Amino acid sequence: MIRFVALAAVLLVAVPANAASEAGPAGLWLTPDHDGVIAIAPCGEALCGRIVGVFLDHPDDRMPVDHRGTSQCNLPLIAGARQIQPNLWKGRITNPRSGETFGVEFHMDPRGDLALRGFFGVPLLGHTQTWTRYAGAVSPDCRLRAGMGG
């Protein structure tokens, strides 16, 4: 009986319940309005996110700027997001237009999308967005053609 329980435990660990959640939040994400692509990647023992793609109507359109007038291309957006539970990360997110910083929590939902909740103070006082995986390519200058965002 003990061998059976041990074997069952090994099989439960070895076979993921949901392959999408196993992939985790690292990768490229399309924002809800389909106007930008955010790259989430490890930074030390945490996860960080930066803007790596901005959808422009015309190839010669000016890249949007942050509250200081700096290009949003490669602008840090999420900082110090640490895993606080299985499938739950908590850190800080910055609004590039205003420079305001908020708390952020995110997790993989059952569909494999990223449920991201920005909040001031406590998560209860926040707003949740759903980001979807972006399978397209991004360029070093962050320029993406409008209509290509899915």
N, C-alpha and C. Protein backbone atom coordinates (compact mmCIF):
# COMPACT_ATOMS: atom_id res chain seq x y z
N MET A 1 0.82 -1.20 0.00
CA MET A 1 0.00 0.00 0.00
C MET A 1 0.86 1.25 0.00
N ILE A 2 1.95 1.26 0.77
CA ILE A 2 2.82 2.44 0.83
C ILE A 2 3.45 2.68 -0.54
N ARG A 3 3.85 1.63 -1.23
CA ARG A 3 4.42 1.80 -2.57
C ARG A 3 3.42 2.42 -3.52
N PHE A 4 2.16 2.01 -3.43
CA PHE A 4 1.13 2.54 -4.30
C PHE A 4 0.94 4.04 -4.04
N VAL A 5 0.87 4.44 -2.78
CA VAL A 5 0.71 5.85 -2.44
C VAL A 5 1.91 6.65 -2.94
N ALA A 6 3.12 6.12 -2.77
CA ALA A 6 4.32 6.81 -3.24
C ALA A 6 4.30 6.94 -4.76
N LEU A 7 3.91 5.88 -5.47
CA LEU A 7 3.83 5.92 -6.92
C LEU A 7 2.78 6.93 -7.37
N ALA A 8 1.64 6.94 -6.72
CA ALA A 8 0.58 7.90 -7.06
C ALA A 8 1.07 9.33 -6.85
N ALA A 9 1.80 9.58 -5.77
CA ALA A 9 2.32 10.92 -5.51
C ALA A 9 3.31 11.34 -6.59
N VAL A 10 4.18 10.43 -7.02
CA VAL A 10 5.15 10.72 -8.09
C VAL A 10 4.40 11.04 -9.38
N LEU A 11 3.39 10.26 -9.71
CA LEU A 11 2.64 10.52 -10.94
C LEU A 11 1.90 11.85 -10.89
N LEU A 12 1.35 12.21 -9.75
CA LEU A 12 0.66 13.50 -9.63
C LEU A 12 1.62 14.66 -9.83
N VAL A 13 2.83 14.52 -9.33
CA VAL A 13 3.82 15.58 -9.50
C VAL A 13 4.33 15.62 -10.93
N ALA A 14 4.50 14.46 -11.55
CA ALA A 14 5.09 14.39 -12.89
C ALA A 14 4.14 14.81 -13.99
N VAL A 15 2.83 14.68 -13.79
CA VAL A 15 1.87 15.02 -14.83
C VAL A 15 1.18 16.32 -14.46
N PRO A 16 1.43 17.41 -15.23
CA PRO A 16 0.83 18.69 -14.90
C PRO A 16 -0.68 18.66 -15.08
N ALA A 17 -1.38 19.30 -14.17
CA ALA A 17 -2.83 19.38 -14.27
C ALA A 17 -3.25 20.30 -15.40
N ASN A 18 -2.43 21.31 -15.67
CA ASN A 18 -2.76 22.28 -16.72
C ASN A 18 -1.46 22.76 -17.33
N ALA A 19 -1.19 22.41 -18.55
CA ALA A 19 0.08 22.77 -19.19
C ALA A 19 0.24 24.28 -19.29
N ALA A 20 -0.85 25.01 -19.47
CA ALA A 20 -0.76 26.47 -19.59
C ALA A 20 -0.27 27.09 -18.30
N SER A 21 -0.77 26.61 -17.15
CA SER A 21 -0.32 27.19 -15.89
C SER A 21 1.12 26.80 -15.59
N GLU A 22 1.56 25.63 -16.10
CA GLU A 22 2.94 25.21 -15.89
C GLU A 22 3.90 26.16 -16.62
N ALA A 23 3.46 26.72 -17.76
CA ALA A 23 4.30 27.63 -18.52
C ALA A 23 4.61 28.88 -17.70
N GLY A 24 3.72 29.26 -16.81
CA GLY A 24 3.93 30.41 -15.96
C GLY A 24 3.84 31.72 -16.70
N PRO A 25 4.05 32.81 -15.99
CA PRO A 25 3.85 34.13 -16.57
C PRO A 25 5.01 34.66 -17.40
N ALA A 26 6.15 33.99 -17.43
CA ALA A 26 7.25 34.49 -18.25
C ALA A 26 6.88 34.37 -19.73
N GLY A 27 7.19 35.40 -20.49
CA GLY A 27 6.91 35.39 -21.93
C GLY A 27 6.39 36.73 -22.39
N LEU A 28 5.81 36.74 -23.59
CA LEU A 28 5.27 37.95 -24.20
C LEU A 28 3.76 37.98 -24.02
N TRP A 29 3.25 39.16 -23.62
CA TRP A 29 1.82 39.31 -23.32
C TRP A 29 1.24 40.50 -24.05
N LEU A 30 0.07 40.30 -24.64
CA LEU A 30 -0.68 41.34 -25.32
C LEU A 30 -1.62 41.99 -24.31
N THR A 31 -1.58 43.31 -24.24
CA THR A 31 -2.43 44.03 -23.29
C THR A 31 -3.90 43.92 -23.73
N PRO A 32 -4.84 44.17 -22.81
CA PRO A 32 -6.27 43.99 -23.12
C PRO A 32 -6.77 44.83 -24.30
N ASP A 33 -6.24 46.04 -24.46
CA ASP A 33 -6.67 46.90 -25.56
C ASP A 33 -5.94 46.59 -26.86
N HIS A 34 -5.05 45.60 -26.83
CA HIS A 34 -4.25 45.19 -27.99
C HIS A 34 -3.42 46.36 -28.53
N ASP A 35 -2.90 47.18 -27.61
CA ASP A 35 -2.08 48.31 -28.05
C ASP A 35 -0.61 48.16 -27.68
N GLY A 36 -0.28 47.10 -26.94
CA GLY A 36 1.11 46.91 -26.57
C GLY A 36 1.42 45.47 -26.22
N VAL A 37 2.72 45.17 -26.22
CA VAL A 37 3.22 43.85 -25.84
C VAL A 37 4.21 44.03 -24.70
N ILE A 38 4.01 43.26 -23.65
CA ILE A 38 4.84 43.31 -22.46
C ILE A 38 5.61 42.00 -22.35
N ALA A 39 6.92 42.11 -22.10
CA ALA A 39 7.75 40.92 -21.86
C ALA A 39 7.91 40.77 -20.36
N ILE A 40 7.54 39.60 -19.84
CA ILE A 40 7.76 39.28 -18.43
C ILE A 40 8.87 38.24 -18.38
N ALA A 41 9.87 38.52 -17.56
CA ALA A 41 11.04 37.64 -17.49
C ALA A 41 11.63 37.68 -16.09
N PRO A 42 12.38 36.65 -15.72
CA PRO A 42 13.06 36.66 -14.42
C PRO A 42 14.04 37.83 -14.32
N CYS A 43 14.09 38.41 -13.13
CA CYS A 43 15.10 39.44 -12.82
C CYS A 43 15.54 39.14 -11.38
N GLY A 44 16.63 38.45 -11.25
CA GLY A 44 17.04 37.97 -9.94
C GLY A 44 16.08 36.88 -9.49
N GLU A 45 15.58 37.00 -8.28
CA GLU A 45 14.64 36.01 -7.75
C GLU A 45 13.19 36.40 -7.97
N ALA A 46 12.96 37.44 -8.75
CA ALA A 46 11.61 37.94 -9.00
C ALA A 46 11.32 37.92 -10.50
N LEU A 47 10.15 38.42 -10.87
CA LEU A 47 9.80 38.63 -12.27
C LEU A 47 9.66 40.12 -12.50
N CYS A 48 10.05 40.57 -13.68
CA CYS A 48 9.91 41.96 -14.07
C CYS A 48 9.27 42.00 -15.45
N GLY A 49 8.67 43.12 -15.77
CA GLY A 49 8.05 43.27 -17.08
C GLY A 49 8.43 44.61 -17.69
N ARG A 50 8.57 44.61 -19.02
CA ARG A 50 8.88 45.84 -19.72
C ARG A 50 8.11 45.88 -21.03
N ILE A 51 7.88 47.07 -21.53
CA ILE A 51 7.19 47.25 -22.80
C ILE A 51 8.16 46.90 -23.93
N VAL A 52 7.79 45.94 -24.77
CA VAL A 52 8.66 45.54 -25.88
C VAL A 52 7.99 45.73 -27.24
N GLY A 53 6.73 46.12 -27.23
CA GLY A 53 6.03 46.35 -28.49
C GLY A 53 4.91 47.35 -28.31
N VAL A 54 4.82 48.28 -29.26
CA VAL A 54 3.75 49.27 -29.26
C VAL A 54 3.14 49.26 -30.66
N PHE A 55 1.83 49.09 -30.74
CA PHE A 55 1.15 49.07 -32.02
C PHE A 55 0.91 50.49 -32.49
N LEU A 56 1.46 50.80 -33.66
CA LEU A 56 1.34 52.13 -34.26
C LEU A 56 0.49 52.04 -35.52
N ASP A 57 -0.28 53.09 -35.79
CA ASP A 57 -1.12 53.09 -36.99
C ASP A 57 -0.29 53.17 -38.27
N HIS A 58 0.81 53.93 -38.22
CA HIS A 58 1.67 54.12 -39.39
C HIS A 58 3.12 53.88 -39.00
N PRO A 59 3.92 53.33 -39.91
CA PRO A 59 5.32 53.02 -39.58
C PRO A 59 6.13 54.23 -39.11
N ASP A 60 5.77 55.42 -39.55
CA ASP A 60 6.54 56.61 -39.17
C ASP A 60 5.95 57.36 -37.97
N ASP A 61 4.91 56.78 -37.34
CA ASP A 61 4.35 57.43 -36.15
C ASP A 61 5.40 57.49 -35.04
N ARG A 62 5.31 58.52 -34.24
CA ARG A 62 6.22 58.71 -33.11
C ARG A 62 5.92 57.67 -32.03
N MET A 63 6.97 57.13 -31.44
CA MET A 63 6.81 56.18 -30.34
C MET A 63 6.21 56.94 -29.14
N PRO A 64 5.19 56.37 -28.49
CA PRO A 64 4.65 57.03 -27.30
C PRO A 64 5.73 57.23 -26.24
N VAL A 65 5.55 58.26 -25.43
CA VAL A 65 6.51 58.57 -24.38
C VAL A 65 5.85 58.44 -23.02
N ASP A 66 6.68 58.29 -21.98
CA ASP A 66 6.16 58.20 -20.62
C ASP A 66 5.94 59.61 -20.07
N HIS A 67 5.63 59.68 -18.79
CA HIS A 67 5.32 60.96 -18.14
C HIS A 67 6.50 61.93 -18.13
N ARG A 68 7.72 61.43 -18.36
CA ARG A 68 8.91 62.29 -18.38
C ARG A 68 9.34 62.64 -19.79
N GLY A 69 8.62 62.10 -20.78
CA GLY A 69 8.99 62.36 -22.17
C GLY A 69 9.95 61.34 -22.74
N THR A 70 10.21 60.25 -22.02
CA THR A 70 11.11 59.18 -22.46
C THR A 70 10.31 58.15 -23.26
N SER A 71 10.91 57.63 -24.32
CA SER A 71 10.25 56.62 -25.13
C SER A 71 9.78 55.46 -24.26
N GLN A 72 8.59 54.94 -24.58
CA GLN A 72 8.07 53.79 -23.84
C GLN A 72 8.71 52.48 -24.29
N CYS A 73 9.50 52.50 -25.35
CA CYS A 73 10.16 51.30 -25.82
C CYS A 73 11.13 50.79 -24.75
N ASN A 74 10.94 49.57 -24.31
CA ASN A 74 11.73 48.91 -23.26
C ASN A 74 11.58 49.55 -21.88
N LEU A 75 10.54 50.31 -21.70
CA LEU A 75 10.27 50.95 -20.41
C LEU A 75 9.88 49.91 -19.37
N PRO A 76 10.53 49.90 -18.21
CA PRO A 76 10.13 48.97 -17.14
C PRO A 76 8.69 49.25 -16.71
N LEU A 77 7.93 48.18 -16.54
CA LEU A 77 6.52 48.31 -16.18
C LEU A 77 6.20 47.58 -14.88
N ILE A 78 6.69 46.35 -14.76
CA ILE A 78 6.46 45.53 -13.56
C ILE A 78 7.80 45.30 -12.90
N ALA A 79 7.85 45.47 -11.58
CA ALA A 79 9.11 45.30 -10.86
C ALA A 79 8.90 44.40 -9.64
N GLY A 80 9.91 43.59 -9.35
CA GLY A 80 9.98 42.82 -8.11
C GLY A 80 8.81 41.91 -7.83
N ALA A 81 8.22 41.31 -8.85
CA ALA A 81 7.08 40.41 -8.63
C ALA A 81 7.60 39.06 -8.14
N ARG A 82 7.29 38.77 -6.91
CA ARG A 82 7.74 37.51 -6.29
C ARG A 82 6.56 36.56 -6.15
N GLN A 83 6.87 35.29 -6.31
CA GLN A 83 5.83 34.27 -6.15
C GLN A 83 5.53 34.15 -4.66
N ILE A 84 4.26 34.40 -4.30
CA ILE A 84 3.86 34.35 -2.89
C ILE A 84 3.05 33.10 -2.58
N GLN A 85 2.55 32.44 -3.61
CA GLN A 85 1.83 31.18 -3.51
C GLN A 85 2.01 30.48 -4.84
N PRO A 86 1.68 29.20 -4.90
CA PRO A 86 1.69 28.57 -6.22
C PRO A 86 0.75 29.36 -7.16
N ASN A 87 1.24 29.72 -8.33
CA ASN A 87 0.46 30.46 -9.32
C ASN A 87 -0.02 31.83 -8.85
N LEU A 88 0.73 32.51 -8.01
CA LEU A 88 0.38 33.88 -7.61
C LEU A 88 1.66 34.66 -7.34
N TRP A 89 1.80 35.78 -8.08
CA TRP A 89 2.95 36.66 -7.95
C TRP A 89 2.48 38.03 -7.51
N LYS A 90 3.32 38.72 -6.74
CA LYS A 90 2.96 40.05 -6.23
C LYS A 90 4.17 40.96 -6.34
N GLY A 91 3.95 42.17 -6.87
CA GLY A 91 5.03 43.14 -7.03
C GLY A 91 4.47 44.54 -7.19
N ARG A 92 5.13 45.33 -8.05
CA ARG A 92 4.75 46.72 -8.30
C ARG A 92 4.59 46.92 -9.80
N ILE A 93 3.65 47.78 -10.19
CA ILE A 93 3.46 48.13 -11.60
C ILE A 93 3.38 49.65 -11.70
N THR A 94 3.96 50.18 -12.78
CA THR A 94 4.00 51.62 -12.99
C THR A 94 3.13 51.98 -14.19
N ASN A 95 2.33 53.02 -14.03
CA ASN A 95 1.56 53.56 -15.14
C ASN A 95 2.51 54.45 -15.93
N PRO A 96 2.84 54.08 -17.18
CA PRO A 96 3.83 54.86 -17.93
C PRO A 96 3.36 56.27 -18.27
N ARG A 97 2.07 56.49 -18.31
CA ARG A 97 1.56 57.82 -18.66
C ARG A 97 1.66 58.81 -17.51
N SER A 98 1.49 58.31 -16.27
CA SER A 98 1.49 59.22 -15.12
C SER A 98 2.70 59.04 -14.21
N GLY A 99 3.35 57.88 -14.29
CA GLY A 99 4.46 57.59 -13.40
C GLY A 99 4.03 57.04 -12.05
N GLU A 100 2.72 56.93 -11.82
CA GLU A 100 2.22 56.40 -10.56
C GLU A 100 2.56 54.91 -10.46
N THR A 101 2.90 54.47 -9.27
CA THR A 101 3.22 53.08 -9.00
C THR A 101 2.15 52.48 -8.11
N PHE A 102 1.75 51.26 -8.45
CA PHE A 102 0.70 50.55 -7.73
C PHE A 102 1.18 49.16 -7.38
N GLY A 103 0.47 48.52 -6.47
CA GLY A 103 0.70 47.10 -6.23
C GLY A 103 0.13 46.31 -7.40
N VAL A 104 0.66 45.12 -7.63
CA VAL A 104 0.14 44.26 -8.68
C VAL A 104 0.21 42.81 -8.21
N GLU A 105 -0.83 42.07 -8.51
CA GLU A 105 -0.84 40.62 -8.32
C GLU A 105 -1.24 40.01 -9.65
N PHE A 106 -0.64 38.88 -9.98
CA PHE A 106 -1.06 38.21 -11.20
C PHE A 106 -0.93 36.71 -11.05
N HIS A 107 -1.75 36.01 -11.85
CA HIS A 107 -1.74 34.56 -11.87
C HIS A 107 -2.18 34.09 -13.25
N MET A 108 -1.89 32.85 -13.55
CA MET A 108 -2.34 32.24 -14.79
C MET A 108 -3.77 31.74 -14.57
N ASP A 109 -4.68 32.13 -15.47
CA ASP A 109 -6.05 31.64 -15.33
C ASP A 109 -6.16 30.28 -16.03
N PRO A 110 -7.29 29.59 -15.90
CA PRO A 110 -7.42 28.25 -16.47
C PRO A 110 -7.23 28.18 -17.99
N ARG A 111 -7.46 29.29 -18.71
CA ARG A 111 -7.29 29.31 -20.16
C ARG A 111 -5.84 29.54 -20.58
N GLY A 112 -4.96 29.82 -19.60
CA GLY A 112 -3.57 30.11 -19.92
C GLY A 112 -3.30 31.59 -20.12
N ASP A 113 -4.30 32.43 -19.85
CA ASP A 113 -4.12 33.87 -19.92
C ASP A 113 -3.58 34.37 -18.59
N LEU A 114 -3.11 35.61 -18.58
CA LEU A 114 -2.58 36.21 -17.37
C LEU A 114 -3.61 37.15 -16.78
N ALA A 115 -4.08 36.85 -15.59
CA ALA A 115 -5.01 37.73 -14.87
C ALA A 115 -4.16 38.63 -13.99
N LEU A 116 -4.16 39.92 -14.30
CA LEU A 116 -3.30 40.89 -13.63
C LEU A 116 -4.17 41.92 -12.92
N ARG A 117 -3.95 42.07 -11.62
CA ARG A 117 -4.75 43.01 -10.82
C ARG A 117 -3.85 44.10 -10.26
N GLY A 118 -4.07 45.32 -10.73
CA GLY A 118 -3.38 46.48 -10.19
C GLY A 118 -4.22 47.07 -9.06
N PHE A 119 -3.55 47.53 -8.00
CA PHE A 119 -4.32 48.05 -6.87
C PHE A 119 -3.53 49.11 -6.11
N PHE A 120 -4.26 49.89 -5.36
CA PHE A 120 -3.68 50.88 -4.47
C PHE A 120 -4.01 50.45 -3.05
N GLY A 121 -2.99 50.14 -2.28
CA GLY A 121 -3.20 49.72 -0.89
C GLY A 121 -3.39 48.22 -0.77
N VAL A 122 -4.61 47.76 -1.00
CA VAL A 122 -4.92 46.33 -0.87
C VAL A 122 -5.54 45.83 -2.18
N PRO A 123 -5.32 44.56 -2.51
CA PRO A 123 -5.85 44.02 -3.77
C PRO A 123 -7.36 44.17 -3.93
N LEU A 124 -8.08 44.20 -2.82
CA LEU A 124 -9.53 44.36 -2.89
C LEU A 124 -9.90 45.67 -3.60
N LEU A 125 -9.05 46.68 -3.45
CA LEU A 125 -9.30 47.99 -4.05
C LEU A 125 -8.53 48.11 -5.37
N GLY A 126 -8.85 47.24 -6.31
CA GLY A 126 -8.12 47.24 -7.56
C GLY A 126 -8.96 46.89 -8.75
N HIS A 127 -8.28 46.70 -9.86
CA HIS A 127 -8.92 46.39 -11.13
C HIS A 127 -8.14 45.27 -11.81
N THR A 128 -8.84 44.26 -12.31
CA THR A 128 -8.19 43.12 -12.96
C THR A 128 -8.31 43.24 -14.48
N GLN A 129 -7.19 42.97 -15.15
CA GLN A 129 -7.14 42.90 -16.60
C GLN A 129 -6.71 41.50 -16.99
N THR A 130 -7.10 41.08 -18.20
CA THR A 130 -6.66 39.80 -18.72
C THR A 130 -5.73 40.06 -19.90
N TRP A 131 -4.50 39.58 -19.78
CA TRP A 131 -3.51 39.68 -20.85
C TRP A 131 -3.42 38.31 -21.51
N THR A 132 -3.29 38.31 -22.83
CA THR A 132 -3.19 37.06 -23.58
C THR A 132 -1.77 36.90 -24.13
N ARG A 133 -1.37 35.65 -24.30
CA ARG A 133 -0.03 35.39 -24.85
C ARG A 133 0.08 36.01 -26.24
N TYR A 134 1.25 36.55 -26.52
CA TYR A 134 1.53 37.12 -27.83
C TYR A 134 2.53 36.20 -28.53
N ALA A 135 2.12 35.68 -29.68
CA ALA A 135 2.97 34.73 -30.40
C ALA A 135 3.77 35.39 -31.51
N GLY A 136 3.52 36.67 -31.75
CA GLY A 136 4.23 37.35 -32.82
C GLY A 136 5.65 37.73 -32.43
N ALA A 137 6.33 38.34 -33.37
CA ALA A 137 7.70 38.80 -33.13
C ALA A 137 7.69 40.26 -32.72
N VAL A 138 8.67 40.66 -31.95
CA VAL A 138 8.86 42.06 -31.58
C VAL A 138 10.22 42.49 -32.13
N SER A 139 10.33 43.78 -32.38
CA SER A 139 11.58 44.30 -32.93
C SER A 139 12.30 45.14 -31.88
N PRO A 140 13.59 45.36 -32.02
CA PRO A 140 14.34 46.13 -31.03
C PRO A 140 13.80 47.56 -30.84
N ASP A 141 13.15 48.11 -31.88
CA ASP A 141 12.62 49.48 -31.76
C ASP A 141 11.18 49.50 -31.26
N CYS A 142 10.63 48.33 -30.90
CA CYS A 142 9.29 48.18 -30.31
C CYS A 142 8.14 48.53 -31.25
N ARG A 143 8.42 48.80 -32.50
CA ARG A 143 7.37 49.21 -33.44
C ARG A 143 6.63 47.99 -33.99
N LEU A 144 5.31 48.00 -33.81
CA LEU A 144 4.46 46.95 -34.34
C LEU A 144 3.34 47.63 -35.11
N ARG A 145 2.91 47.00 -36.19
CA ARG A 145 1.83 47.57 -37.01
C ARG A 145 0.48 47.33 -36.37
N ALA A 146 -0.34 48.39 -36.30
CA ALA A 146 -1.70 48.28 -35.78
C ALA A 146 -2.45 47.23 -36.59
N GLY A 147 -3.35 46.53 -35.94
CA GLY A 147 -4.12 45.48 -36.61
C GLY A 147 -3.43 44.13 -36.55
N MET A 148 -2.18 44.08 -36.06
CA MET A 148 -1.44 42.82 -35.98
C MET A 148 -1.51 42.25 -34.56
N GLY A 149 -2.26 42.90 -33.68
CA GLY A 149 -2.29 42.51 -32.28
C GLY A 149 -3.27 41.43 -31.92
N GLY A 150 -3.98 40.89 -32.87
CA GLY A 150 -4.87 39.78 -32.56
C GLY A 150 -6.27 40.17 -32.40
